[in-house]
Amino acid sequence: MATRKKIVFPYYNSYYTSTAIIIYQTNILKSLNLLDDAIKPEIYIWHTHQSPLQEIQAIQYPYIHYINIKSLGFRIKKTLSKMVDVFGLSKTILFNTKYDCIYPAYQDNFLNGIKERIYWKADFQENYFPQYITAVEMNWVKAFFKHLQNNDSLSTLVLSSYDCKNDLEKFYPEIKNPVKLFRFVSHIPKQLNFENITTIQQKFNITLPYFIVCNQYWPHKNHLVVLKALHQLKQENKLNFQVVFTGKTSSIRGNEYFTELKNYITENNLANDIVITDFVERNEQLILMKKALAIVQPTTFEGWSTVIEDGKALNQYVIASNIKVNMEQIQENVSFFNAEDSNELSKILANFSINKPVIQIKEYSKNIEDSLQDLKVIFSL
């Protein structure tokens, strides 16, 4: 039997830093678990004490190893690597040579010994909304592309959509790395009990039919256009539903933004029309999404939307902003609106609150198979 490919997965995020990346990474592992056993790779999870390992462990992937990057042995290797850097020997004395690849890779000479470093850029929002990006984040992006250009120009760069690929060519024409697309999918647990919806609604005090918005509280996610649409409907005496907002109310980027949203809700007397759940357990969120009148994705920017992918996997209707990537990602069971036009959105919400959207049942397994083929190409499986 051929030796299994050894792939490192840096799994450093927590729910506080990025729930979306955690879902992205766990869905990759769920996809890999669908491969024929003979070609399933060995996975090495590099993690910290904050990494939600329970999400990985629940997948029951058969060939997996956990390595804490704060452990003594790992820290000693990192220290030695830095000493090698000081003497300019980072391309001569190599670490981690037993691994075949790492995804997503990052700019660190400690990874030079890994046979294949595969990078990922989720999106290019810093070029469209620099006002929302910290100096530290912007410097990281600059260093990332400088590293690709000067130190690792032959390694693969993974992007999530053709829209992202166009942005790469527009903003970073000097980057000549081979590009591969991975249109990630959602894996919905088979054991979800949608009959639990009444209990979940009572838990969060959802008392009316509802639409749902499942985004982090970051400015480009555009919750405000939804609130403005509700305010308009309230003035017209047409507000006969609630909107549920899921997502952690504190984040690395959105504290002031969330305060602005709360102020708008108070000033316009929308408190009884909005349900803010804060962080919600993933299975509960999926049940809420399935039982909503529709999912609303008002974002002004995405690389590839987890929310839309969840909607497709659930065979649920989506009301989405008409940005290019959303229109690339979903063509059926969807209504689009101008992300800046609360009036247009209010009319769609009013209509669907009375006439529930008709859903065409789609077989999502084809999406999963296509995504799995993407992974087989990326990892040469």
Protein backbone atom coordinates (compact mmCIF):
# COMPACT_ATOMS: atom_id res chain seq x y z
CA MET A 1 0.00 0.00 0.00
CA ALA A 2 1.29 3.46 -0.87
CA THR A 3 2.41 5.74 1.95
CA ARG A 4 -0.27 8.17 3.02
CA LYS A 5 0.39 11.80 2.24
CA LYS A 6 1.15 13.80 5.40
CA ILE A 7 -0.66 17.15 5.52
CA VAL A 8 -0.26 19.80 8.23
CA PHE A 9 -3.35 21.83 9.12
CA PRO A 10 -2.51 24.92 11.21
CA TYR A 11 -5.63 25.21 13.39
CA TYR A 12 -4.84 28.29 15.42
CA ASN A 13 -8.14 30.20 15.46
CA SER A 14 -10.70 30.33 18.23
CA TYR A 15 -14.38 31.21 18.01
CA TYR A 16 -13.37 34.71 19.13
CA THR A 17 -10.95 35.33 16.29
CA SER A 18 -12.85 33.67 13.42
CA THR A 19 -15.76 31.25 13.55
CA ALA A 20 -15.86 31.24 9.74
CA ILE A 21 -12.29 29.89 9.43
CA ILE A 22 -13.05 27.15 11.97
CA ILE A 23 -16.07 26.09 9.89
CA TYR A 24 -13.95 26.31 6.72
CA GLN A 25 -11.28 24.01 8.14
CA THR A 26 -13.64 21.47 9.68
CA ASN A 27 -15.60 21.26 6.43
CA ILE A 28 -12.37 20.48 4.57
CA LEU A 29 -11.68 17.63 6.96
CA LYS A 30 -15.26 16.37 6.56
CA SER A 31 -14.75 16.37 2.80
CA LEU A 32 -11.45 14.49 3.06
CA ASN A 33 -13.22 11.91 5.22
CA LEU A 34 -15.37 11.04 2.17
CA LEU A 35 -12.34 9.90 0.17
CA ASP A 36 -11.63 6.25 -0.47
CA ASP A 37 -9.63 4.98 2.48
CA ALA A 38 -6.64 4.15 0.30
CA ILE A 39 -6.04 7.82 -0.57
CA LYS A 40 -7.04 9.48 2.70
CA PRO A 41 -4.05 11.54 3.87
CA GLU A 42 -2.64 11.63 7.38
CA ILE A 43 -3.60 14.93 8.97
CA TYR A 44 -1.43 16.71 11.52
CA ILE A 45 -3.36 19.34 13.45
CA TRP A 46 -1.08 22.08 14.74
CA HIS A 47 -3.10 23.78 17.46
CA THR A 48 -3.05 25.97 20.57
CA HIS A 49 -4.90 25.57 23.86
CA GLN A 50 -7.62 27.88 22.45
CA SER A 51 -8.27 25.81 19.32
CA PRO A 52 -11.73 24.16 19.45
CA LEU A 53 -10.43 20.61 19.01
CA GLN A 54 -13.84 19.14 19.81
CA GLU A 55 -14.99 20.23 16.36
CA ILE A 56 -12.18 18.20 14.75
CA GLN A 57 -12.55 15.21 17.06
CA ALA A 58 -16.28 14.95 16.31
CA ILE A 59 -15.47 14.22 12.66
CA GLN A 60 -13.75 10.96 13.66
CA TYR A 61 -11.21 11.19 10.89
CA PRO A 62 -9.20 7.94 11.11
CA TYR A 63 -5.68 9.22 10.40
CA ILE A 64 -5.09 12.27 12.56
CA HIS A 65 -2.45 13.57 14.95
CA TYR A 66 -2.60 16.54 17.32
CA ILE A 67 0.48 18.68 17.97
CA ASN A 68 0.30 21.58 20.43
CA ILE A 69 2.53 24.37 19.13
CA LYS A 70 2.99 25.55 22.73
CA SER A 71 4.46 22.20 23.78
CA LEU A 72 8.11 22.12 24.88
CA GLY A 73 9.28 20.02 21.94
CA PHE A 74 7.62 22.26 19.37
CA ARG A 75 8.91 25.45 20.99
CA ILE A 76 12.46 24.07 21.02
CA LYS A 77 12.23 23.40 17.27
CA LYS A 78 10.91 26.92 16.68
CA THR A 79 13.76 28.41 18.71
CA LEU A 80 16.33 26.42 16.74
CA SER A 81 14.69 27.57 13.52
CA LYS A 82 15.04 31.20 14.54
CA MET A 83 18.72 30.64 15.36
CA VAL A 84 19.21 29.13 11.91
CA ASP A 85 17.55 32.24 10.42
CA VAL A 86 20.02 34.50 12.23
CA PHE A 87 22.92 32.70 10.51
CA GLY A 88 21.23 32.81 7.10
CA LEU A 89 20.91 29.04 6.86
CA SER A 90 17.11 28.73 6.64
CA LYS A 91 17.32 27.15 3.16
CA THR A 92 20.09 24.76 4.17
CA ILE A 93 19.06 23.50 7.61
CA LEU A 94 15.44 22.45 7.25
CA PHE A 95 12.76 21.55 9.78
CA ASN A 96 9.53 19.55 9.38
CA THR A 97 10.87 17.52 6.46
CA LYS A 98 8.61 14.55 7.20
CA TYR A 99 5.54 16.46 5.99
CA ASP A 100 4.36 16.45 2.37
CA CYS A 101 2.41 19.70 2.51
CA ILE A 102 0.86 22.34 4.75
CA TYR A 103 -2.43 24.14 4.22
CA PRO A 104 -2.83 26.97 4.66
CA ALA A 105 0.85 27.87 4.70
CA TYR A 106 2.15 31.19 6.02
CA GLN A 107 5.35 33.20 5.79
CA ASP A 108 7.77 31.46 8.17
CA ASN A 109 11.11 29.85 7.33
CA PHE A 110 10.20 27.17 9.87
CA LEU A 111 8.05 25.69 7.09
CA ASN A 112 10.81 25.52 4.46
CA GLY A 113 11.39 21.82 5.00
CA ILE A 114 7.79 20.91 4.16
CA LYS A 115 7.77 19.60 0.61
CA GLU A 116 4.80 21.66 -0.59
CA ARG A 117 3.53 24.87 0.96
CA ILE A 118 -0.01 25.67 -0.20
CA TYR A 119 -1.24 29.18 0.59
CA TRP A 120 -4.76 30.55 0.90
CA LYS A 121 -6.14 34.07 0.55
CA ALA A 122 -9.75 34.19 1.66
CA ASP A 123 -10.60 37.50 0.00
CA PHE A 124 -9.27 40.96 -0.83
CA GLN A 125 -11.43 43.12 1.39
CA GLU A 126 -8.46 45.22 2.51
CA ASN A 127 -8.35 46.73 -0.99
CA TYR A 128 -12.02 47.68 -0.91
CA PHE A 129 -12.47 48.65 2.74
CA PRO A 130 -9.06 49.75 4.06
CA GLN A 131 -10.82 51.86 6.70
CA TYR A 132 -11.88 48.66 8.48
CA ILE A 133 -8.44 47.04 8.40
CA THR A 134 -5.92 47.61 11.18
CA ALA A 135 -2.33 48.58 10.43
CA VAL A 136 -1.21 45.19 11.74
CA GLU A 137 -3.55 43.36 9.36
CA MET A 138 -2.51 45.50 6.40
CA ASN A 139 1.18 44.93 7.13
CA TRP A 140 0.50 41.18 7.30
CA VAL A 141 -1.12 41.24 3.84
CA LYS A 142 1.80 43.19 2.37
CA ALA A 143 4.29 40.78 3.92
CA PHE A 144 2.26 37.82 2.66
CA PHE A 145 2.40 38.90 -0.98
CA LYS A 146 6.01 40.02 -0.71
CA HIS A 147 6.84 36.55 0.61
CA LEU A 148 5.02 34.87 -2.28
CA GLN A 149 6.76 37.05 -4.85
CA ASN A 150 10.28 36.86 -3.44
CA ASN A 151 10.52 33.57 -1.54
CA ASP A 152 7.84 31.12 -2.68
CA SER A 153 6.70 32.02 -6.19
CA LEU A 154 6.31 28.38 -7.29
CA SER A 155 3.93 27.35 -4.50
CA THR A 156 0.20 27.10 -5.08
CA LEU A 157 -2.13 29.88 -3.97
CA VAL A 158 -5.70 28.74 -3.29
CA LEU A 159 -8.59 31.15 -3.84
CA SER A 160 -12.29 30.66 -3.16
CA SER A 161 -13.91 32.05 -6.32
CA TYR A 162 -13.37 33.44 -9.80
CA ASP A 163 -14.19 36.84 -8.31
CA CYS A 164 -11.21 36.44 -5.96
CA LYS A 165 -9.04 35.41 -8.89
CA ASN A 166 -10.00 38.60 -10.72
CA ASP A 167 -9.10 40.63 -7.62
CA LEU A 168 -5.70 38.95 -7.39
CA GLU A 169 -4.94 39.91 -10.99
CA LYS A 170 -6.27 43.42 -10.42
CA PHE A 171 -4.48 44.28 -7.18
CA TYR A 172 -1.39 42.03 -7.27
CA PRO A 173 -0.43 41.50 -10.94
CA GLU A 174 3.14 40.81 -9.85
CA ILE A 175 2.08 37.55 -8.18
CA LYS A 176 2.75 34.68 -10.58
CA ASN A 177 2.08 31.73 -8.27
CA PRO A 178 -0.06 28.95 -9.75
CA VAL A 179 -3.66 29.51 -8.62
CA LYS A 180 -6.20 26.81 -7.80
CA LEU A 181 -9.80 27.34 -6.79
CA PHE A 182 -11.49 25.66 -3.86
CA ARG A 183 -15.21 26.41 -3.71
CA PHE A 184 -15.81 25.11 -0.22
CA VAL A 185 -19.08 23.46 0.77
CA SER A 186 -21.10 22.97 3.94
CA HIS A 187 -21.58 19.59 5.56
CA ILE A 188 -24.90 19.46 7.38
CA PRO A 189 -25.03 16.88 10.22
CA LYS A 190 -27.42 14.06 9.37
CA GLN A 191 -28.63 13.87 12.97
CA LEU A 192 -30.03 17.41 13.06
CA ASN A 193 -33.46 17.34 14.71
CA PHE A 194 -35.48 20.12 13.11
CA GLU A 195 -38.35 19.30 15.45
CA ASN A 196 -36.33 21.05 18.16
CA ILE A 197 -37.15 24.42 16.59
CA THR A 198 -39.84 25.24 19.19
CA THR A 199 -37.40 24.73 22.06
CA ILE A 200 -34.74 26.82 20.32
CA GLN A 201 -37.23 29.61 19.57
CA GLN A 202 -38.25 29.68 23.22
CA LYS A 203 -34.60 29.76 24.28
CA PHE A 204 -33.95 32.91 22.24
CA ASN A 205 -37.41 34.47 22.65
CA ILE A 206 -38.33 34.24 18.97
CA THR A 207 -42.07 34.84 19.03
CA LEU A 208 -42.93 35.51 15.37
CA PRO A 209 -42.04 34.13 11.94
CA TYR A 210 -38.50 35.31 11.27
CA PHE A 211 -35.74 35.94 8.78
CA ILE A 212 -32.18 35.20 9.88
CA VAL A 213 -28.82 36.92 9.41
CA CYS A 214 -25.75 34.85 10.36
CA ASN A 215 -22.71 37.10 10.15
CA GLN A 216 -19.95 38.37 12.37
CA TYR A 217 -20.42 41.96 13.48
CA TRP A 218 -17.96 43.47 11.05
CA PRO A 219 -18.89 46.65 9.13
CA HIS A 220 -18.67 45.09 5.67
CA LYS A 221 -21.26 42.48 6.70
CA ASN A 222 -23.81 45.27 6.36
CA HIS A 223 -26.35 44.48 9.10
CA LEU A 224 -27.41 48.12 8.99
CA VAL A 225 -29.19 47.80 5.66
CA VAL A 226 -31.44 45.15 7.26
CA LEU A 227 -32.23 47.42 10.21
CA LYS A 228 -33.06 50.29 7.85
CA ALA A 229 -35.41 48.01 5.90
CA LEU A 230 -37.16 47.04 9.14
CA HIS A 231 -37.47 50.66 10.20
CA GLN A 232 -39.13 51.49 6.88
CA LEU A 233 -41.59 48.59 7.23
CA LYS A 234 -42.39 49.62 10.78
CA GLN A 235 -43.24 53.14 9.62
CA GLU A 236 -45.50 51.62 6.96
CA ASN A 237 -47.12 49.33 9.57
CA LYS A 238 -45.98 46.26 7.60
CA LEU A 239 -43.61 44.72 10.12
CA ASN A 240 -45.19 41.38 11.01
CA PHE A 241 -42.04 39.32 11.59
CA GLN A 242 -38.74 39.35 13.48
CA VAL A 243 -35.16 39.21 12.28
CA VAL A 244 -32.73 36.97 14.14
CA PHE A 245 -29.06 38.00 14.20
CA THR A 246 -26.62 35.26 15.19
CA GLY A 247 -22.93 35.80 15.83
CA LYS A 248 -20.63 36.70 18.68
CA THR A 249 -21.33 40.28 19.72
CA SER A 250 -17.69 41.02 20.50
CA SER A 251 -14.93 40.43 17.99
CA ILE A 252 -11.47 41.54 16.95
CA ARG A 253 -12.94 44.01 14.48
CA GLY A 254 -16.52 44.91 15.29
CA ASN A 255 -16.97 46.33 18.79
CA GLU A 256 -17.76 49.91 17.74
CA TYR A 257 -19.88 48.67 14.88
CA PHE A 258 -22.03 46.54 17.15
CA THR A 259 -22.59 49.55 19.41
CA GLU A 260 -23.73 51.56 16.40
CA LEU A 261 -26.23 48.83 15.50
CA LYS A 262 -27.57 48.69 19.06
CA ASN A 263 -27.99 52.46 19.07
CA TYR A 264 -29.91 52.33 15.78
CA ILE A 265 -32.21 49.63 17.18
CA THR A 266 -32.93 51.72 20.28
CA GLU A 267 -33.38 55.02 18.44
CA ASN A 268 -35.86 53.48 16.00
CA ASN A 269 -37.81 51.37 18.49
CA LEU A 270 -36.86 48.05 16.89
CA ALA A 271 -35.95 46.12 20.05
CA ASN A 272 -39.02 43.87 19.89
CA ASP A 273 -38.45 43.19 16.20
CA ILE A 274 -34.85 42.02 16.54
CA VAL A 275 -33.46 38.95 18.26
CA ILE A 276 -29.72 39.04 18.97
CA THR A 277 -28.59 35.58 20.01
CA ASP A 278 -24.86 36.27 20.48
CA PHE A 279 -22.81 33.14 19.78
CA VAL A 280 -25.05 30.18 19.02
CA GLU A 281 -24.09 26.52 18.89
CA ARG A 282 -23.61 25.40 15.29
CA ASN A 283 -26.42 22.81 15.19
CA GLU A 284 -28.87 25.27 16.71
CA GLN A 285 -27.87 27.85 14.13
CA LEU A 286 -28.48 25.42 11.27
CA ILE A 287 -31.93 24.52 12.62
CA LEU A 288 -32.78 28.21 12.94
CA MET A 289 -31.63 28.79 9.37
CA LYS A 290 -33.71 25.92 8.01
CA LYS A 291 -36.89 27.04 9.81
CA ALA A 292 -36.58 30.74 8.93
CA LEU A 293 -38.74 32.40 6.29
CA ALA A 294 -35.44 32.87 4.44
CA ILE A 295 -31.76 33.53 5.10
CA VAL A 296 -30.60 37.11 4.53
CA GLN A 297 -27.01 37.72 3.43
CA PRO A 298 -26.61 41.52 3.12
CA THR A 299 -22.81 41.58 2.94
CA THR A 300 -20.93 44.10 0.81
CA PHE A 301 -17.92 41.82 0.40
CA GLU A 302 -17.09 38.10 0.52
CA GLY A 303 -14.57 35.63 -0.81
CA TRP A 304 -17.13 32.78 -0.75
CA SER A 305 -19.99 32.93 1.72
CA THR A 306 -20.37 30.22 4.35
CA VAL A 307 -23.89 31.55 4.98
CA ILE A 308 -24.94 31.09 1.35
CA GLU A 309 -23.33 27.66 1.23
CA ASP A 310 -25.28 26.67 4.37
CA GLY A 311 -28.46 27.87 2.68
CA LYS A 312 -27.77 25.78 -0.43
CA ALA A 313 -26.98 22.70 1.67
CA LEU A 314 -30.19 23.17 3.69
CA ASN A 315 -32.32 23.75 0.58
CA GLN A 316 -33.34 27.08 2.11
CA TYR A 317 -34.15 30.31 0.29
CA VAL A 318 -31.55 33.09 0.38
CA ILE A 319 -32.00 36.84 0.04
CA ALA A 320 -28.56 38.12 -0.91
CA SER A 321 -26.82 41.34 -1.86
CA ASN A 322 -26.06 41.45 -5.57
CA ILE A 323 -22.28 41.58 -5.28
CA LYS A 324 -20.44 39.57 -7.93
CA VAL A 325 -19.27 36.71 -5.73
CA ASN A 326 -22.76 36.07 -4.33
CA MET A 327 -24.12 35.88 -7.88
CA GLU A 328 -21.31 33.49 -8.78
CA GLN A 329 -22.08 31.29 -5.79
CA ILE A 330 -25.86 30.90 -6.02
CA GLN A 331 -28.26 31.03 -8.95
CA GLU A 332 -31.36 29.22 -7.66
CA ASN A 333 -33.54 29.69 -4.58
CA VAL A 334 -32.34 33.27 -4.30
CA SER A 335 -33.46 36.88 -4.61
CA PHE A 336 -30.82 39.57 -5.02
CA PHE A 337 -30.95 43.19 -3.90
CA ASN A 338 -28.64 46.19 -4.06
CA ALA A 339 -26.54 46.08 -0.90
CA GLU A 340 -27.05 49.82 -0.37
CA ASP A 341 -30.80 49.87 -1.05
CA SER A 342 -32.82 49.24 2.11
CA ASN A 343 -36.02 50.10 0.24
CA GLU A 344 -35.48 47.27 -2.23
CA LEU A 345 -34.75 44.87 0.62
CA SER A 346 -37.83 45.99 2.58
CA LYS A 347 -40.08 45.08 -0.36
CA ILE A 348 -38.57 41.60 -0.63
CA LEU A 349 -38.94 41.00 3.12
CA ALA A 350 -42.52 42.27 3.14
CA ASN A 351 -43.44 40.02 0.22
CA PHE A 352 -41.85 36.88 1.65
CA SER A 353 -43.34 37.49 5.10
CA ILE A 354 -46.76 37.01 3.46
CA ASN A 355 -45.92 34.73 0.54
CA LYS A 356 -43.24 32.31 1.69
CA PRO A 357 -40.72 31.74 -1.13
CA VAL A 358 -41.13 28.62 -3.23
CA ILE A 359 -38.01 26.45 -2.96
CA GLN A 360 -36.69 24.20 -5.69
CA ILE A 361 -35.23 21.13 -3.99
CA LYS A 362 -31.67 20.64 -5.22
CA GLU A 363 -29.35 17.67 -4.76
CA TYR A 364 -26.41 19.18 -2.86
CA SER A 365 -24.29 16.02 -3.09
CA LYS A 366 -23.09 17.23 -6.51
CA ASN A 367 -21.65 20.36 -4.87
CA ILE A 368 -19.86 18.21 -2.31
CA GLU A 369 -18.42 15.95 -5.00
CA ASP A 370 -17.20 18.93 -7.06
CA SER A 371 -15.57 20.44 -3.99
CA LEU A 372 -13.92 17.12 -3.17
CA GLN A 373 -12.46 17.04 -6.67
CA ASP A 374 -11.03 20.52 -6.02
CA LEU A 375 -9.30 19.16 -2.91
CA LYS A 376 -7.92 16.13 -4.75
CA VAL A 377 -6.33 18.46 -7.28
CA ILE A 378 -4.98 20.86 -4.65
CA PHE A 379 -3.40 18.10 -2.54
CA SER A 380 -2.52 15.80 -5.47
CA LEU A 381 -4.45 12.89 -3.94
